[in-house]
Amino acid sequence: MAALKAAELVQNDMIIGLGTGSTVKYLIDQLGKRVKEDKLRLLLQRPQNKLRYRPNPWA
């Protein structure tokens, strides 16, 4: 699965962008495991603006 492979590529202090799709749950779960097992360092930040989800009109 793409999320599991992506989690393997994350390194300490790397900036990553998370999407809003269903796969992001698996990525977050796997990153949590890496924090515990591999001592991966993550800095979590939420968006500063109050964007609301809007469907893509071109989808």
PDB file of N, CA and C in Angstrom:
ATOM      1  N   MET A   1       0.841  -1.181   0.000  1.00  0.00           N
ATOM      2  CA  MET A   1       0.000   0.000   0.000  1.00  0.00           C
ATOM      3  C   MET A   1       0.891   1.251   0.000  1.00  0.00           C
ATOM      4  N   ALA A   2       0.447   2.251  -0.703  1.00  0.00           N
ATOM      5  CA  ALA A   2       1.237   3.480  -0.874  1.00  0.00           C
ATOM      6  C   ALA A   2       1.534   4.177   0.444  1.00  0.00           C
ATOM      7  N   ALA A   3       0.587   4.191   1.364  1.00  0.00           N
ATOM      8  CA  ALA A   3       0.791   4.879   2.645  1.00  0.00           C
ATOM      9  C   ALA A   3       1.912   4.242   3.451  1.00  0.00           C
ATOM     10  N   LEU A   4       2.008   2.927   3.419  1.00  0.00           N
ATOM     11  CA  LEU A   4       3.052   2.235   4.180  1.00  0.00           C
ATOM     12  C   LEU A   4       4.425   2.532   3.588  1.00  0.00           C
ATOM     13  N   LYS A   5       4.513   2.550   2.266  1.00  0.00           N
ATOM     14  CA  LYS A   5       5.782   2.875   1.610  1.00  0.00           C
ATOM     15  C   LYS A   5       6.158   4.325   1.886  1.00  0.00           C
ATOM     16  N   ALA A   6       5.194   5.214   1.828  1.00  0.00           N
ATOM     17  CA  ALA A   6       5.464   6.635   2.100  1.00  0.00           C
ATOM     18  C   ALA A   6       5.983   6.825   3.519  1.00  0.00           C
ATOM     19  N   ALA A   7       5.424   6.102   4.476  1.00  0.00           N
ATOM     20  CA  ALA A   7       5.858   6.223   5.869  1.00  0.00           C
ATOM     21  C   ALA A   7       7.306   5.767   6.033  1.00  0.00           C
ATOM     22  N   GLU A   8       7.739   4.803   5.236  1.00  0.00           N
ATOM     23  CA  GLU A   8       9.127   4.342   5.285  1.00  0.00           C
ATOM     24  C   GLU A   8      10.101   5.432   4.833  1.00  0.00           C
ATOM     25  N   LEU A   9       9.648   6.299   3.950  1.00  0.00           N
ATOM     26  CA  LEU A   9      10.517   7.322   3.368  1.00  0.00           C
ATOM     27  C   LEU A   9      10.672   8.558   4.249  1.00  0.00           C
ATOM     28  N   VAL A  10       9.797   8.714   5.228  1.00  0.00           N
ATOM     29  CA  VAL A  10       9.853   9.894   6.093  1.00  0.00           C
ATOM     30  C   VAL A  10      11.071   9.809   7.007  1.00  0.00           C
ATOM     31  N   GLN A  11      11.805  10.909   7.080  1.00  0.00           N
ATOM     32  CA  GLN A  11      12.998  10.993   7.918  1.00  0.00           C
ATOM     33  C   GLN A  11      12.790  12.048   8.995  1.00  0.00           C
ATOM     34  N   ASN A  12      13.658  12.031   9.997  1.00  0.00           N
ATOM     35  CA  ASN A  12      13.567  13.012  11.083  1.00  0.00           C
ATOM     36  C   ASN A  12      13.544  14.434  10.534  1.00  0.00           C
ATOM     37  N   ASP A  13      12.674  15.244  11.107  1.00  0.00           N
ATOM     38  CA  ASP A  13      12.571  16.674  10.801  1.00  0.00           C
ATOM     39  C   ASP A  13      12.168  16.976   9.363  1.00  0.00           C
ATOM     40  N   MET A  14      11.643  15.999   8.661  1.00  0.00           N
ATOM     41  CA  MET A  14      11.181  16.195   7.288  1.00  0.00           C
ATOM     42  C   MET A  14       9.803  16.862   7.313  1.00  0.00           C
ATOM     43  N   ILE A  15       9.566  17.779   6.394  1.00  0.00           N
ATOM     44  CA  ILE A  15       8.256  18.417   6.261  1.00  0.00           C
ATOM     45  C   ILE A  15       7.453  17.612   5.248  1.00  0.00           C
ATOM     46  N   ILE A  16       6.270  17.176   5.652  1.00  0.00           N
ATOM     47  CA  ILE A  16       5.407  16.426   4.747  1.00  0.00           C
ATOM     48  C   ILE A  16       4.022  17.058   4.744  1.00  0.00           C
ATOM     49  N   GLY A  17       3.343  16.904   3.663  1.00  0.00           N
ATOM     50  CA  GLY A  17       1.973  17.389   3.560  1.00  0.00           C
ATOM     51  C   GLY A  17       1.028  16.205   3.567  1.00  0.00           C
ATOM     52  N   LEU A  18       0.001  16.284   4.355  1.00  0.00           N
ATOM     53  CA  LEU A  18      -0.977  15.212   4.426  1.00  0.00           C
ATOM     54  C   LEU A  18      -2.214  15.610   3.644  1.00  0.00           C
ATOM     55  N   GLY A  19      -2.732  14.689   2.910  1.00  0.00           N
ATOM     56  CA  GLY A  19      -3.959  14.943   2.171  1.00  0.00           C
ATOM     57  C   GLY A  19      -5.178  14.701   3.036  1.00  0.00           C
ATOM     58  N   THR A  20      -6.305  14.612   2.402  1.00  0.00           N
ATOM     59  CA  THR A  20      -7.549  14.386   3.134  1.00  0.00           C
ATOM     60  C   THR A  20      -8.216  13.082   2.705  1.00  0.00           C
ATOM     61  N   GLY A  21      -7.548  12.306   1.898  1.00  0.00           N
ATOM     62  CA  GLY A  21      -8.130  11.060   1.413  1.00  0.00           C
ATOM     63  C   GLY A  21      -8.133   9.965   2.456  1.00  0.00           C
ATOM     64  N   SER A  22      -8.717   8.841   2.097  1.00  0.00           N
ATOM     65  CA  SER A  22      -8.845   7.727   3.033  1.00  0.00           C
ATOM     66  C   SER A  22      -7.501   7.097   3.379  1.00  0.00           C
ATOM     67  N   THR A  23      -6.510   7.230   2.521  1.00  0.00           N
ATOM     68  CA  THR A  23      -5.206   6.607   2.750  1.00  0.00           C
ATOM     69  C   THR A  23      -4.420   7.300   3.855  1.00  0.00           C
ATOM     70  N   VAL A  24      -4.717   8.544   4.151  1.00  0.00           N
ATOM     71  CA  VAL A  24      -3.947   9.299   5.148  1.00  0.00           C
ATOM     72  C   VAL A  24      -4.030   8.649   6.531  1.00  0.00           C
ATOM     73  N   LYS A  25      -5.125   7.972   6.839  1.00  0.00           N
ATOM     74  CA  LYS A  25      -5.251   7.278   8.126  1.00  0.00           C
ATOM     75  C   LYS A  25      -4.153   6.235   8.275  1.00  0.00           C
ATOM     76  N   TYR A  26      -3.889   5.480   7.217  1.00  0.00           N
ATOM     77  CA  TYR A  26      -2.862   4.443   7.272  1.00  0.00           C
ATOM     78  C   TYR A  26      -1.466   5.052   7.411  1.00  0.00           C
ATOM     79  N   LEU A  27      -1.251   6.173   6.758  1.00  0.00           N
ATOM     80  CA  LEU A  27       0.033   6.863   6.871  1.00  0.00           C
ATOM     81  C   LEU A  27       0.264   7.340   8.306  1.00  0.00           C
ATOM     82  N   ILE A  28      -0.746   7.947   8.904  1.00  0.00           N
ATOM     83  CA  ILE A  28      -0.617   8.447  10.269  1.00  0.00           C
ATOM     84  C   ILE A  28      -0.394   7.295  11.245  1.00  0.00           C
ATOM     85  N   ASP A  29      -1.123   6.204  11.074  1.00  0.00           N
ATOM     86  CA  ASP A  29      -0.926   5.035  11.935  1.00  0.00           C
ATOM     87  C   ASP A  29       0.500   4.506  11.831  1.00  0.00           C
ATOM     88  N   GLN A  30       1.002   4.409  10.614  1.00  0.00           N
ATOM     89  CA  GLN A  30       2.350   3.889  10.408  1.00  0.00           C
ATOM     90  C   GLN A  30       3.412   4.847  10.952  1.00  0.00           C
ATOM     91  N   LEU A  31       3.194   6.138  10.787  1.00  0.00           N
ATOM     92  CA  LEU A  31       4.133   7.108  11.353  1.00  0.00           C
ATOM     93  C   LEU A  31       4.147   7.022  12.879  1.00  0.00           C
ATOM     94  N   GLY A  32       2.992   6.782  13.478  1.00  0.00           N
ATOM     95  CA  GLY A  32       2.926   6.605  14.927  1.00  0.00           C
ATOM     96  C   GLY A  32       3.755   5.416  15.385  1.00  0.00           C
ATOM     97  N   LYS A  33       3.697   4.329  14.631  1.00  0.00           N
ATOM     98  CA  LYS A  33       4.514   3.153  14.947  1.00  0.00           C
ATOM     99  C   LYS A  33       5.992   3.480  14.834  1.00  0.00           C
ATOM    100  N   ARG A  34       6.356   4.245  13.811  1.00  0.00           N
ATOM    101  CA  ARG A  34       7.761   4.610  13.622  1.00  0.00           C
ATOM    102  C   ARG A  34       8.256   5.531  14.730  1.00  0.00           C
ATOM    103  N   VAL A  35       7.389   6.397  15.239  1.00  0.00           N
ATOM    104  CA  VAL A  35       7.772   7.264  16.351  1.00  0.00           C
ATOM    105  C   VAL A  35       8.127   6.401  17.559  1.00  0.00           C
ATOM    106  N   LYS A  36       7.326   5.389  17.832  1.00  0.00           N
ATOM    107  CA  LYS A  36       7.569   4.519  18.986  1.00  0.00           C
ATOM    108  C   LYS A  36       8.765   3.600  18.761  1.00  0.00           C
ATOM    109  N   GLU A  37       8.805   2.934  17.621  1.00  0.00           N
ATOM    110  CA  GLU A  37       9.807   1.901  17.392  1.00  0.00           C
ATOM    111  C   GLU A  37      11.151   2.441  16.908  1.00  0.00           C
ATOM    112  N   ASP A  38      11.121   3.412  16.016  1.00  0.00           N
ATOM    113  CA  ASP A  38      12.356   3.921  15.397  1.00  0.00           C
ATOM    114  C   ASP A  38      12.801   5.254  15.982  1.00  0.00           C
ATOM    115  N   LYS A  39      12.031   5.766  16.956  1.00  0.00           N
ATOM    116  CA  LYS A  39      12.334   7.080  17.557  1.00  0.00           C
ATOM    117  C   LYS A  39      12.319   8.199  16.516  1.00  0.00           C
ATOM    118  N   LEU A  40      11.418   8.072  15.544  1.00  0.00           N
ATOM    119  CA  LEU A  40      11.246   9.108  14.526  1.00  0.00           C
ATOM    120  C   LEU A  40      10.768  10.385  15.201  1.00  0.00           C
ATOM    121  N   ARG A  41      11.368  11.516  14.842  1.00  0.00           N
ATOM    122  CA  ARG A  41      10.978  12.817  15.389  1.00  0.00           C
ATOM    123  C   ARG A  41      10.050  13.513  14.400  1.00  0.00           C
ATOM    124  N   LEU A  42       8.871  13.848  14.877  1.00  0.00           N
ATOM    125  CA  LEU A  42       7.903  14.559  14.052  1.00  0.00           C
ATOM    126  C   LEU A  42       7.504  15.859  14.729  1.00  0.00           C
ATOM    127  N   LEU A  43       7.315  16.880  13.945  1.00  0.00           N
ATOM    128  CA  LEU A  43       6.775  18.142  14.420  1.00  0.00           C
ATOM    129  C   LEU A  43       5.403  18.289  13.774  1.00  0.00           C
ATOM    130  N   LEU A  44       4.390  18.359  14.595  1.00  0.00           N
ATOM    131  CA  LEU A  44       3.031  18.453  14.080  1.00  0.00           C
ATOM    132  C   LEU A  44       2.585  19.899  14.077  1.00  0.00           C
ATOM    133  N   GLN A  45       1.931  20.287  13.008  1.00  0.00           N
ATOM    134  CA  GLN A  45       1.443  21.658  12.898  1.00  0.00           C
ATOM    135  C   GLN A  45       0.121  21.632  12.157  1.00  0.00           C
ATOM    136  N   ARG A  46      -0.794  22.413  12.631  1.00  0.00           N
ATOM    137  CA  ARG A  46      -2.080  22.510  11.937  1.00  0.00           C
ATOM    138  C   ARG A  46      -2.064  23.750  11.048  1.00  0.00           C
ATOM    139  N   PRO A  47      -2.901  23.774  10.043  1.00  0.00           N
ATOM    140  CA  PRO A  47      -2.948  24.958   9.176  1.00  0.00           C
ATOM    141  C   PRO A  47      -3.330  26.203   9.981  1.00  0.00           C
ATOM    142  N   GLN A  48      -2.768  27.316   9.614  1.00  0.00           N
ATOM    143  CA  GLN A  48      -3.041  28.564  10.320  1.00  0.00           C
ATOM    144  C   GLN A  48      -4.338  29.220   9.859  1.00  0.00           C
ATOM    145  N   ASN A  49      -4.742  28.928   8.646  1.00  0.00           N
ATOM    146  CA  ASN A  49      -5.977  29.555   8.157  1.00  0.00           C
ATOM    147  C   ASN A  49      -7.154  28.609   8.360  1.00  0.00           C
ATOM    148  N   LYS A  50      -8.321  29.103   8.178  1.00  0.00           N
ATOM    149  CA  LYS A  50      -9.547  28.346   8.418  1.00  0.00           C
ATOM    150  C   LYS A  50     -10.153  27.874   7.093  1.00  0.00           C
ATOM    151  N   LEU A  51      -9.367  27.166   6.306  1.00  0.00           N
ATOM    152  CA  LEU A  51      -9.872  26.670   5.034  1.00  0.00           C
ATOM    153  C   LEU A  51     -10.937  25.610   5.274  1.00  0.00           C
ATOM    154  N   ARG A  52     -11.936  25.635   4.459  1.00  0.00           N
ATOM    155  CA  ARG A  52     -12.971  24.609   4.516  1.00  0.00           C
ATOM    156  C   ARG A  52     -12.844  23.750   3.273  1.00  0.00           C
ATOM    157  N   TYR A  53     -13.180  22.507   3.414  1.00  0.00           N
ATOM    158  CA  TYR A  53     -13.122  21.598   2.273  1.00  0.00           C
ATOM    159  C   TYR A  53     -14.166  21.998   1.242  1.00  0.00           C
ATOM    160  N   ARG A  54     -13.719  22.116   0.023  1.00  0.00           N
ATOM    161  CA  ARG A  54     -14.627  22.358  -1.088  1.00  0.00           C
ATOM    162  C   ARG A  54     -14.356  21.304  -2.144  1.00  0.00           C
ATOM    163  N   PRO A  55     -15.378  20.643  -2.664  1.00  0.00           N
ATOM    164  CA  PRO A  55     -15.143  19.625  -3.692  1.00  0.00           C
ATOM    165  C   PRO A  55     -14.450  20.237  -4.914  1.00  0.00           C
ATOM    166  N   ASN A  56     -13.610  19.456  -5.527  1.00  0.00           N
ATOM    167  CA  ASN A  56     -12.907  19.900  -6.723  1.00  0.00           C
ATOM    168  C   ASN A  56     -13.904  19.998  -7.875  1.00  0.00           C
ATOM    169  N   PRO A  57     -14.132  21.184  -8.433  1.00  0.00           N
ATOM    170  CA  PRO A  57     -15.115  21.311  -9.507  1.00  0.00           C
ATOM    171  C   PRO A  57     -14.700  20.613 -10.789  1.00  0.00           C
ATOM    172  N   TRP A  58     -13.400  20.260 -10.930  1.00  0.00           N
ATOM    173  CA  TRP A  58     -12.920  19.610 -12.133  1.00  0.00           C
ATOM    174  C   TRP A  58     -12.863  18.100 -11.999  1.00  0.00           C
ATOM    175  N   ALA A  59     -13.203  17.574 -10.830  1.00  0.00           N
ATOM    176  CA  ALA A  59     -13.129  16.121 -10.605  1.00  0.00           C
ATOM    177  C   ALA A  59     -14.262  15.404 -11.296  1.00  0.00           C
TER     178      ALA A  59
END
